[in-house]
Amino acid sequence: MQVLQVQLEVGADPAEVGRARRWVRSRLAGSGIEADEPLAETLILIVSELVTNAVVHTGCPAVLRMLLPGLPAGASVGTVRVEVADASDRPPAPRHADGDETNGRGLELVDGLADRWGWRPEGTGKAIWCEIDRCGAGAAGAGAYPGRTRPEAFPGTYPGMAYEAV
């Protein structure tokens, strides 16, 4: 299977979150993930949350990466991986926001929407990642925050992989 890895450098400005969402939409268009399928909107929401967290909580630029399986339109299998790397070495701090609070729901949303998520140190900072399995049954929400596993480093090479950096 061919895999496409794409990445976008995101500035430390909260306005960059909208640019990241538009960029994701444009990359999904050629990946076999249709704009009107639920997976597309889920990915855009997850990217929005992770990029917002990186920009707001670090005040530094970040890098958004997506790993897309090269599938024909309508295919029902494959895993999409999203990562946001930032310059902060502080681990993510999931929390539960109370009723009227305007912040604190981002990682809770990621936990509920992704099949798996976690983080790992990267350089002097960290990368927060999540994966969504594209399958008929879908098992979103892999469980509570504690006990998440840290996978091996983000794959750098795959046979038949195309790469794009923006």
N, C-alpha and C. Protein backbone atom coordinates (compact mmCIF):
# COMPACT_ATOMS: atom_id res chain seq x y z
N MET A 1 0.85 -1.17 0.00
CA MET A 1 0.00 0.00 0.00
C MET A 1 0.89 1.23 0.00
N GLN A 2 0.54 2.21 -0.79
CA GLN A 2 1.28 3.46 -0.83
C GLN A 2 0.76 4.37 0.28
N VAL A 3 1.67 5.12 0.90
CA VAL A 3 1.34 6.01 2.00
C VAL A 3 1.84 7.40 1.64
N LEU A 4 1.05 8.40 1.97
CA LEU A 4 1.44 9.78 1.73
C LEU A 4 1.64 10.47 3.06
N GLN A 5 2.83 11.00 3.31
CA GLN A 5 3.10 11.79 4.51
C GLN A 5 3.16 13.24 4.08
N VAL A 6 2.37 14.07 4.73
CA VAL A 6 2.36 15.50 4.44
C VAL A 6 2.60 16.25 5.74
N GLN A 7 3.20 17.41 5.64
CA GLN A 7 3.39 18.21 6.84
C GLN A 7 3.29 19.69 6.53
N LEU A 8 2.86 20.43 7.53
CA LEU A 8 2.67 21.87 7.43
C LEU A 8 3.30 22.53 8.64
N GLU A 9 4.11 23.55 8.41
CA GLU A 9 4.62 24.35 9.51
C GLU A 9 3.56 25.36 9.91
N VAL A 10 3.29 25.43 11.19
CA VAL A 10 2.23 26.28 11.73
C VAL A 10 2.87 27.35 12.60
N GLY A 11 2.54 28.60 12.33
CA GLY A 11 3.08 29.70 13.12
C GLY A 11 2.45 29.77 14.50
N ALA A 12 3.01 30.60 15.35
CA ALA A 12 2.55 30.72 16.74
C ALA A 12 1.33 31.63 16.89
N ASP A 13 0.62 31.88 15.83
CA ASP A 13 -0.55 32.75 15.81
C ASP A 13 -1.82 31.90 15.80
N PRO A 14 -2.78 32.15 16.71
CA PRO A 14 -4.02 31.37 16.71
C PRO A 14 -4.75 31.37 15.37
N ALA A 15 -4.53 32.37 14.51
CA ALA A 15 -5.15 32.39 13.19
C ALA A 15 -4.65 31.23 12.32
N GLU A 16 -3.52 30.65 12.68
CA GLU A 16 -2.96 29.53 11.94
C GLU A 16 -3.84 28.27 12.04
N VAL A 17 -4.69 28.22 13.05
CA VAL A 17 -5.56 27.04 13.21
C VAL A 17 -6.50 26.94 12.01
N GLY A 18 -7.07 28.04 11.58
CA GLY A 18 -7.95 28.02 10.40
C GLY A 18 -7.19 27.62 9.14
N ARG A 19 -5.97 28.10 9.02
CA ARG A 19 -5.14 27.71 7.87
C ARG A 19 -4.86 26.21 7.90
N ALA A 20 -4.61 25.66 9.07
CA ALA A 20 -4.35 24.22 9.19
C ALA A 20 -5.59 23.42 8.78
N ARG A 21 -6.78 23.87 9.18
CA ARG A 21 -8.01 23.16 8.78
C ARG A 21 -8.17 23.19 7.26
N ARG A 22 -7.95 24.35 6.65
CA ARG A 22 -8.08 24.44 5.18
C ARG A 22 -7.05 23.54 4.50
N TRP A 23 -5.85 23.50 5.02
CA TRP A 23 -4.79 22.67 4.45
C TRP A 23 -5.16 21.19 4.53
N VAL A 24 -5.71 20.77 5.67
CA VAL A 24 -6.13 19.37 5.81
C VAL A 24 -7.20 19.03 4.79
N ARG A 25 -8.20 19.90 4.63
CA ARG A 25 -9.25 19.66 3.63
C ARG A 25 -8.63 19.46 2.24
N SER A 26 -7.67 20.30 1.89
CA SER A 26 -7.07 20.20 0.55
C SER A 26 -6.27 18.91 0.41
N ARG A 27 -5.63 18.41 1.45
CA ARG A 27 -4.86 17.18 1.36
C ARG A 27 -5.75 15.95 1.34
N LEU A 28 -6.87 16.02 2.00
CA LEU A 28 -7.79 14.88 2.01
C LEU A 28 -8.41 14.66 0.64
N ALA A 29 -8.58 15.74 -0.11
CA ALA A 29 -9.23 15.65 -1.42
C ALA A 29 -8.60 14.60 -2.32
N GLY A 30 -7.29 14.47 -2.32
CA GLY A 30 -6.63 13.51 -3.20
C GLY A 30 -6.27 12.21 -2.53
N SER A 31 -6.75 11.99 -1.31
CA SER A 31 -6.32 10.81 -0.55
C SER A 31 -7.32 9.65 -0.58
N GLY A 32 -8.46 9.87 -1.21
CA GLY A 32 -9.50 8.84 -1.18
C GLY A 32 -10.49 9.05 -0.04
N ILE A 33 -10.29 10.10 0.76
CA ILE A 33 -11.23 10.44 1.83
C ILE A 33 -12.09 11.58 1.30
N GLU A 34 -13.33 11.30 1.08
CA GLU A 34 -14.25 12.29 0.50
C GLU A 34 -14.60 13.37 1.51
N ALA A 35 -14.76 14.59 1.04
CA ALA A 35 -15.05 15.74 1.90
C ALA A 35 -16.33 15.56 2.71
N ASP A 36 -17.30 14.81 2.17
CA ASP A 36 -18.57 14.67 2.88
C ASP A 36 -18.64 13.43 3.78
N GLU A 37 -17.56 12.67 3.87
CA GLU A 37 -17.62 11.51 4.75
C GLU A 37 -17.24 11.91 6.17
N PRO A 38 -17.83 11.26 7.16
CA PRO A 38 -17.59 11.63 8.56
C PRO A 38 -16.11 11.65 8.96
N LEU A 39 -15.31 10.77 8.38
CA LEU A 39 -13.89 10.74 8.71
C LEU A 39 -13.22 12.08 8.41
N ALA A 40 -13.58 12.72 7.33
CA ALA A 40 -12.98 14.01 6.97
C ALA A 40 -13.25 15.05 8.06
N GLU A 41 -14.49 15.17 8.48
CA GLU A 41 -14.83 16.15 9.51
C GLU A 41 -14.19 15.81 10.85
N THR A 42 -14.09 14.51 11.16
CA THR A 42 -13.43 14.09 12.39
C THR A 42 -11.96 14.50 12.37
N LEU A 43 -11.29 14.25 11.25
CA LEU A 43 -9.88 14.62 11.13
C LEU A 43 -9.69 16.13 11.26
N ILE A 44 -10.57 16.90 10.65
CA ILE A 44 -10.46 18.36 10.72
C ILE A 44 -10.67 18.85 12.15
N LEU A 45 -11.60 18.26 12.87
CA LEU A 45 -11.83 18.64 14.26
C LEU A 45 -10.61 18.28 15.13
N ILE A 46 -10.06 17.09 14.93
CA ILE A 46 -8.88 16.68 15.70
C ILE A 46 -7.70 17.60 15.42
N VAL A 47 -7.46 17.90 14.15
CA VAL A 47 -6.37 18.80 13.79
C VAL A 47 -6.59 20.16 14.44
N SER A 48 -7.80 20.66 14.40
CA SER A 48 -8.12 21.95 15.01
C SER A 48 -7.77 21.95 16.50
N GLU A 49 -8.14 20.90 17.20
CA GLU A 49 -7.87 20.82 18.63
C GLU A 49 -6.38 20.72 18.92
N LEU A 50 -5.68 19.85 18.20
CA LEU A 50 -4.25 19.65 18.48
C LEU A 50 -3.41 20.88 18.11
N VAL A 51 -3.73 21.51 16.99
CA VAL A 51 -2.99 22.71 16.60
C VAL A 51 -3.31 23.85 17.57
N THR A 52 -4.55 24.00 17.96
CA THR A 52 -4.91 25.02 18.94
C THR A 52 -4.12 24.82 20.23
N ASN A 53 -4.09 23.59 20.73
CA ASN A 53 -3.33 23.32 21.96
C ASN A 53 -1.87 23.71 21.80
N ALA A 54 -1.26 23.32 20.69
CA ALA A 54 0.15 23.62 20.48
C ALA A 54 0.40 25.11 20.45
N VAL A 55 -0.41 25.85 19.72
CA VAL A 55 -0.20 27.29 19.55
C VAL A 55 -0.52 28.05 20.84
N VAL A 56 -1.62 27.72 21.48
CA VAL A 56 -2.05 28.46 22.67
C VAL A 56 -1.18 28.14 23.88
N HIS A 57 -0.85 26.87 24.09
CA HIS A 57 -0.15 26.50 25.31
C HIS A 57 1.36 26.64 25.23
N THR A 58 1.93 26.75 24.04
CA THR A 58 3.38 26.92 23.95
C THR A 58 3.77 28.31 23.47
N GLY A 59 2.91 28.96 22.69
CA GLY A 59 3.26 30.26 22.12
C GLY A 59 4.37 30.17 21.09
N CYS A 60 4.63 28.95 20.60
CA CYS A 60 5.70 28.71 19.63
C CYS A 60 5.13 28.07 18.38
N PRO A 61 5.88 28.12 17.27
CA PRO A 61 5.44 27.41 16.06
C PRO A 61 5.35 25.91 16.32
N ALA A 62 4.63 25.23 15.45
CA ALA A 62 4.45 23.78 15.55
C ALA A 62 4.52 23.19 14.15
N VAL A 63 4.55 21.87 14.08
CA VAL A 63 4.53 21.16 12.81
C VAL A 63 3.38 20.17 12.85
N LEU A 64 2.51 20.27 11.87
CA LEU A 64 1.38 19.35 11.71
C LEU A 64 1.77 18.31 10.68
N ARG A 65 1.62 17.03 11.01
CA ARG A 65 1.91 15.95 10.07
C ARG A 65 0.69 15.05 9.94
N MET A 66 0.48 14.56 8.72
CA MET A 66 -0.55 13.55 8.49
C MET A 66 0.05 12.44 7.67
N LEU A 67 -0.32 11.24 8.01
CA LEU A 67 0.08 10.07 7.27
C LEU A 67 -1.21 9.45 6.73
N LEU A 68 -1.35 9.48 5.41
CA LEU A 68 -2.59 9.04 4.76
C LEU A 68 -2.35 7.79 3.93
N PRO A 69 -3.17 6.76 4.13
CA PRO A 69 -3.03 5.59 3.26
C PRO A 69 -3.48 5.96 1.86
N GLY A 70 -2.77 5.53 0.85
CA GLY A 70 -3.14 5.81 -0.53
C GLY A 70 -4.24 4.88 -0.98
N LEU A 71 -5.48 5.24 -0.70
CA LEU A 71 -6.62 4.38 -1.00
C LEU A 71 -7.50 5.01 -2.07
N PRO A 72 -8.12 4.20 -2.88
CA PRO A 72 -9.09 4.73 -3.84
C PRO A 72 -10.33 5.23 -3.12
N ALA A 73 -11.03 6.17 -3.73
CA ALA A 73 -12.27 6.69 -3.14
C ALA A 73 -13.21 5.54 -2.83
N GLY A 74 -13.82 5.61 -1.66
CA GLY A 74 -14.78 4.60 -1.26
C GLY A 74 -14.16 3.40 -0.56
N ALA A 75 -12.83 3.32 -0.47
CA ALA A 75 -12.20 2.21 0.22
C ALA A 75 -12.57 2.28 1.70
N SER A 76 -12.64 1.14 2.35
CA SER A 76 -13.12 1.14 3.72
C SER A 76 -12.08 0.69 4.74
N VAL A 77 -10.81 0.63 4.38
CA VAL A 77 -9.77 0.24 5.34
C VAL A 77 -8.61 1.20 5.28
N GLY A 78 -7.78 1.17 6.30
CA GLY A 78 -6.61 2.02 6.35
C GLY A 78 -6.61 2.82 7.64
N THR A 79 -5.45 3.33 8.01
CA THR A 79 -5.31 4.13 9.22
C THR A 79 -4.74 5.49 8.84
N VAL A 80 -5.36 6.53 9.35
CA VAL A 80 -4.88 7.90 9.17
C VAL A 80 -4.23 8.30 10.49
N ARG A 81 -3.03 8.86 10.39
CA ARG A 81 -2.30 9.31 11.58
C ARG A 81 -2.10 10.81 11.50
N VAL A 82 -2.34 11.49 12.60
CA VAL A 82 -2.15 12.93 12.72
C VAL A 82 -1.17 13.16 13.87
N GLU A 83 -0.22 14.05 13.65
CA GLU A 83 0.71 14.44 14.71
C GLU A 83 0.88 15.94 14.70
N VAL A 84 1.04 16.51 15.89
CA VAL A 84 1.41 17.91 16.01
C VAL A 84 2.61 17.96 16.96
N ALA A 85 3.73 18.44 16.43
CA ALA A 85 4.96 18.56 17.22
C ALA A 85 5.15 20.02 17.59
N ASP A 86 5.54 20.26 18.85
CA ASP A 86 5.79 21.62 19.29
C ASP A 86 7.09 21.67 20.09
N ALA A 87 7.48 22.86 20.50
CA ALA A 87 8.77 23.05 21.16
C ALA A 87 8.73 22.87 22.67
N SER A 88 7.56 22.59 23.23
CA SER A 88 7.45 22.43 24.67
C SER A 88 7.69 20.98 25.08
N ASP A 89 8.48 20.78 26.13
CA ASP A 89 8.70 19.41 26.59
C ASP A 89 7.68 19.00 27.66
N ARG A 90 6.73 19.90 27.98
CA ARG A 90 5.69 19.57 28.96
C ARG A 90 4.74 18.53 28.37
N PRO A 91 4.48 17.44 29.09
CA PRO A 91 3.52 16.46 28.59
C PRO A 91 2.12 17.07 28.49
N PRO A 92 1.29 16.53 27.62
CA PRO A 92 -0.09 17.02 27.56
C PRO A 92 -0.78 16.77 28.90
N ALA A 93 -1.67 17.66 29.27
CA ALA A 93 -2.37 17.54 30.55
C ALA A 93 -3.87 17.48 30.31
N PRO A 94 -4.38 16.29 30.00
CA PRO A 94 -5.82 16.17 29.77
C PRO A 94 -6.60 16.56 31.03
N ARG A 95 -7.72 17.20 30.82
CA ARG A 95 -8.58 17.56 31.94
C ARG A 95 -10.03 17.54 31.47
N HIS A 96 -10.91 17.60 32.41
CA HIS A 96 -12.34 17.63 32.10
C HIS A 96 -12.87 19.02 32.47
N ALA A 97 -13.38 19.73 31.48
CA ALA A 97 -13.91 21.07 31.71
C ALA A 97 -15.31 20.97 32.30
N ASP A 98 -15.58 21.84 33.26
CA ASP A 98 -16.92 21.91 33.82
C ASP A 98 -17.82 22.76 32.94
N GLY A 99 -19.11 22.60 33.08
CA GLY A 99 -20.16 23.23 32.30
C GLY A 99 -19.85 24.48 31.51
N ASP A 100 -19.58 25.60 32.19
CA ASP A 100 -19.43 26.88 31.52
C ASP A 100 -17.99 27.22 31.13
N GLU A 101 -17.05 26.38 31.45
CA GLU A 101 -15.66 26.67 31.10
C GLU A 101 -15.51 26.69 29.58
N THR A 102 -14.68 27.60 29.10
CA THR A 102 -14.49 27.73 27.65
C THR A 102 -13.27 26.98 27.14
N ASN A 103 -12.47 26.43 28.01
CA ASN A 103 -11.27 25.68 27.62
C ASN A 103 -11.27 24.32 28.32
N GLY A 104 -10.38 23.44 27.86
CA GLY A 104 -10.17 22.19 28.58
C GLY A 104 -10.85 20.97 27.99
N ARG A 105 -11.33 21.08 26.76
CA ARG A 105 -12.03 19.95 26.15
C ARG A 105 -11.27 19.30 25.00
N GLY A 106 -10.17 19.89 24.58
CA GLY A 106 -9.46 19.45 23.38
C GLY A 106 -9.01 18.00 23.42
N LEU A 107 -8.24 17.62 24.43
CA LEU A 107 -7.76 16.24 24.49
C LEU A 107 -8.87 15.26 24.81
N GLU A 108 -9.89 15.72 25.51
CA GLU A 108 -11.06 14.87 25.76
C GLU A 108 -11.77 14.55 24.44
N LEU A 109 -11.85 15.55 23.56
CA LEU A 109 -12.43 15.32 22.23
C LEU A 109 -11.57 14.35 21.42
N VAL A 110 -10.26 14.56 21.44
CA VAL A 110 -9.36 13.67 20.71
C VAL A 110 -9.52 12.24 21.23
N ASP A 111 -9.58 12.09 22.55
CA ASP A 111 -9.75 10.77 23.14
C ASP A 111 -11.05 10.10 22.68
N GLY A 112 -12.09 10.88 22.56
CA GLY A 112 -13.38 10.33 22.15
C GLY A 112 -13.48 10.02 20.66
N LEU A 113 -12.71 10.72 19.85
CA LEU A 113 -12.82 10.57 18.40
C LEU A 113 -11.78 9.64 17.78
N ALA A 114 -10.61 9.57 18.38
CA ALA A 114 -9.52 8.76 17.80
C ALA A 114 -9.58 7.33 18.33
N ASP A 115 -9.05 6.42 17.54
CA ASP A 115 -8.94 5.03 17.99
C ASP A 115 -7.79 4.88 18.98
N ARG A 116 -6.74 5.66 18.78
CA ARG A 116 -5.58 5.65 19.66
C ARG A 116 -4.99 7.05 19.68
N TRP A 117 -4.40 7.44 20.80
CA TRP A 117 -3.65 8.69 20.84
C TRP A 117 -2.63 8.61 21.95
N GLY A 118 -1.63 9.47 21.86
CA GLY A 118 -0.60 9.52 22.87
C GLY A 118 0.38 10.63 22.54
N TRP A 119 1.54 10.58 23.16
CA TRP A 119 2.56 11.59 22.90
C TRP A 119 3.92 10.95 23.11
N ARG A 120 4.93 11.62 22.60
CA ARG A 120 6.30 11.16 22.79
C ARG A 120 7.22 12.38 22.72
N PRO A 121 8.37 12.30 23.40
CA PRO A 121 9.36 13.37 23.26
C PRO A 121 9.85 13.43 21.81
N GLU A 122 10.11 14.62 21.33
CA GLU A 122 10.67 14.80 19.99
C GLU A 122 11.62 15.98 20.05
N GLY A 123 12.91 15.71 19.86
CA GLY A 123 13.90 16.77 19.98
C GLY A 123 13.83 17.36 21.37
N THR A 124 13.73 18.69 21.45
CA THR A 124 13.62 19.35 22.75
C THR A 124 12.16 19.55 23.14
N GLY A 125 11.24 19.11 22.30
CA GLY A 125 9.82 19.27 22.58
C GLY A 125 9.11 17.93 22.64
N LYS A 126 7.92 17.91 22.05
CA LYS A 126 7.11 16.69 22.05
C LYS A 126 6.25 16.65 20.80
N ALA A 127 5.71 15.47 20.53
CA ALA A 127 4.72 15.30 19.46
C ALA A 127 3.52 14.59 20.06
N ILE A 128 2.35 15.13 19.82
CA ILE A 128 1.10 14.47 20.21
C ILE A 128 0.53 13.87 18.94
N TRP A 129 0.15 12.60 19.00
CA TRP A 129 -0.30 11.88 17.82
C TRP A 129 -1.65 11.24 18.09
N CYS A 130 -2.36 10.95 17.02
CA CYS A 130 -3.56 10.12 17.13
C CYS A 130 -3.75 9.37 15.83
N GLU A 131 -4.46 8.27 15.91
CA GLU A 131 -4.75 7.45 14.75
C GLU A 131 -6.23 7.15 14.70
N ILE A 132 -6.74 7.16 13.47
CA ILE A 132 -8.12 6.78 13.23
C ILE A 132 -8.11 5.67 12.20
N ASP A 133 -8.70 4.55 12.57
CA ASP A 133 -8.81 3.42 11.65
C ASP A 133 -10.02 3.63 10.78
N ARG A 134 -9.79 3.54 9.50
CA ARG A 134 -10.88 3.69 8.55
C ARG A 134 -11.41 2.30 8.23
N CYS A 135 -12.42 1.90 8.97
CA CYS A 135 -13.01 0.58 8.75
C CYS A 135 -14.50 0.68 9.02
N GLY A 136 -15.22 -0.26 8.51
CA GLY A 136 -16.67 -0.25 8.62
C GLY A 136 -17.18 -0.16 10.04
N ALA A 137 -16.59 -0.91 10.96
CA ALA A 137 -17.10 -0.96 12.33
C ALA A 137 -16.59 0.20 13.17
N GLY A 138 -15.38 0.68 12.94
CA GLY A 138 -14.80 1.80 13.67
C GLY A 138 -14.89 1.66 15.18
N ALA A 139 -13.78 1.77 15.85
CA ALA A 139 -13.77 1.63 17.30
C ALA A 139 -13.25 2.90 17.93
N ALA A 140 -13.88 4.01 17.61
CA ALA A 140 -13.40 5.29 18.15
C ALA A 140 -13.48 5.29 19.66
N GLY A 141 -12.57 6.04 20.25
CA GLY A 141 -12.56 6.16 21.71
C GLY A 141 -11.90 4.97 22.35
N ALA A 142 -10.60 4.92 22.33
CA ALA A 142 -9.86 3.76 22.80
C ALA A 142 -9.80 3.67 24.31
N GLY A 143 -10.44 4.55 25.03
CA GLY A 143 -10.45 4.41 26.48
C GLY A 143 -10.01 5.67 27.19
N ALA A 144 -9.75 5.52 28.47
CA ALA A 144 -9.38 6.66 29.30
C ALA A 144 -7.95 7.10 29.04
N TYR A 145 -7.59 8.25 29.56
CA TYR A 145 -6.25 8.79 29.33
C TYR A 145 -5.14 7.93 29.92
N PRO A 146 -5.24 7.47 31.17
CA PRO A 146 -4.14 6.70 31.73
C PRO A 146 -3.91 5.41 30.96
N GLY A 147 -2.66 4.98 30.92
CA GLY A 147 -2.34 3.71 30.28
C GLY A 147 -2.15 3.79 28.79
N ARG A 148 -2.18 4.99 28.22
CA ARG A 148 -1.94 5.11 26.79
C ARG A 148 -0.52 4.65 26.51
N THR A 149 -0.34 4.02 25.39
CA THR A 149 1.01 3.57 25.06
C THR A 149 1.68 4.58 24.15
N ARG A 150 2.97 4.64 24.21
CA ARG A 150 3.75 5.48 23.31
C ARG A 150 4.30 4.58 22.22
N PRO A 151 3.94 4.84 20.97
CA PRO A 151 4.46 4.01 19.89
C PRO A 151 5.90 4.37 19.57
N GLU A 152 6.46 3.64 18.66
CA GLU A 152 7.79 3.98 18.16
C GLU A 152 7.70 5.36 17.52
N ALA A 153 8.83 5.94 17.24
CA ALA A 153 8.87 7.26 16.62
C ALA A 153 8.05 7.28 15.35
N PHE A 154 7.56 8.46 15.00
CA PHE A 154 6.75 8.62 13.78
C PHE A 154 7.50 8.02 12.61
N PRO A 155 6.87 7.15 11.84
CA PRO A 155 7.58 6.48 10.77
C PRO A 155 8.19 7.47 9.78
N GLY A 156 9.45 7.28 9.47
CA GLY A 156 10.11 8.19 8.56
C GLY A 156 10.12 7.69 7.14
N THR A 157 10.10 6.39 6.95
CA THR A 157 10.13 5.87 5.59
C THR A 157 9.24 4.65 5.50
N TYR A 158 8.58 4.54 4.40
CA TYR A 158 7.76 3.38 4.07
C TYR A 158 8.02 3.05 2.61
N PRO A 159 7.98 1.78 2.26
CA PRO A 159 8.10 1.46 0.83
C PRO A 159 6.93 2.10 0.08
N GLY A 160 7.23 2.75 -1.02
CA GLY A 160 6.17 3.36 -1.83
C GLY A 160 5.59 4.63 -1.23
N MET A 161 6.28 5.27 -0.29
CA MET A 161 5.74 6.46 0.36
C MET A 161 6.10 7.71 -0.40
N ALA A 162 5.12 8.58 -0.58
CA ALA A 162 5.37 9.90 -1.15
C ALA A 162 5.46 10.87 0.00
N TYR A 163 6.19 11.94 -0.12
CA TYR A 163 6.38 12.89 0.96
C TYR A 163 6.21 14.31 0.45
N GLU A 164 5.54 15.14 1.26
CA GLU A 164 5.37 16.54 0.91
C GLU A 164 5.58 17.36 2.17
N ALA A 165 6.38 18.37 2.12
CA ALA A 165 6.57 19.29 3.24
C ALA A 165 6.22 20.69 2.75
N VAL A 166 5.45 21.40 3.55
CA VAL A 166 5.02 22.74 3.18
C VAL A 166 5.60 23.73 4.17
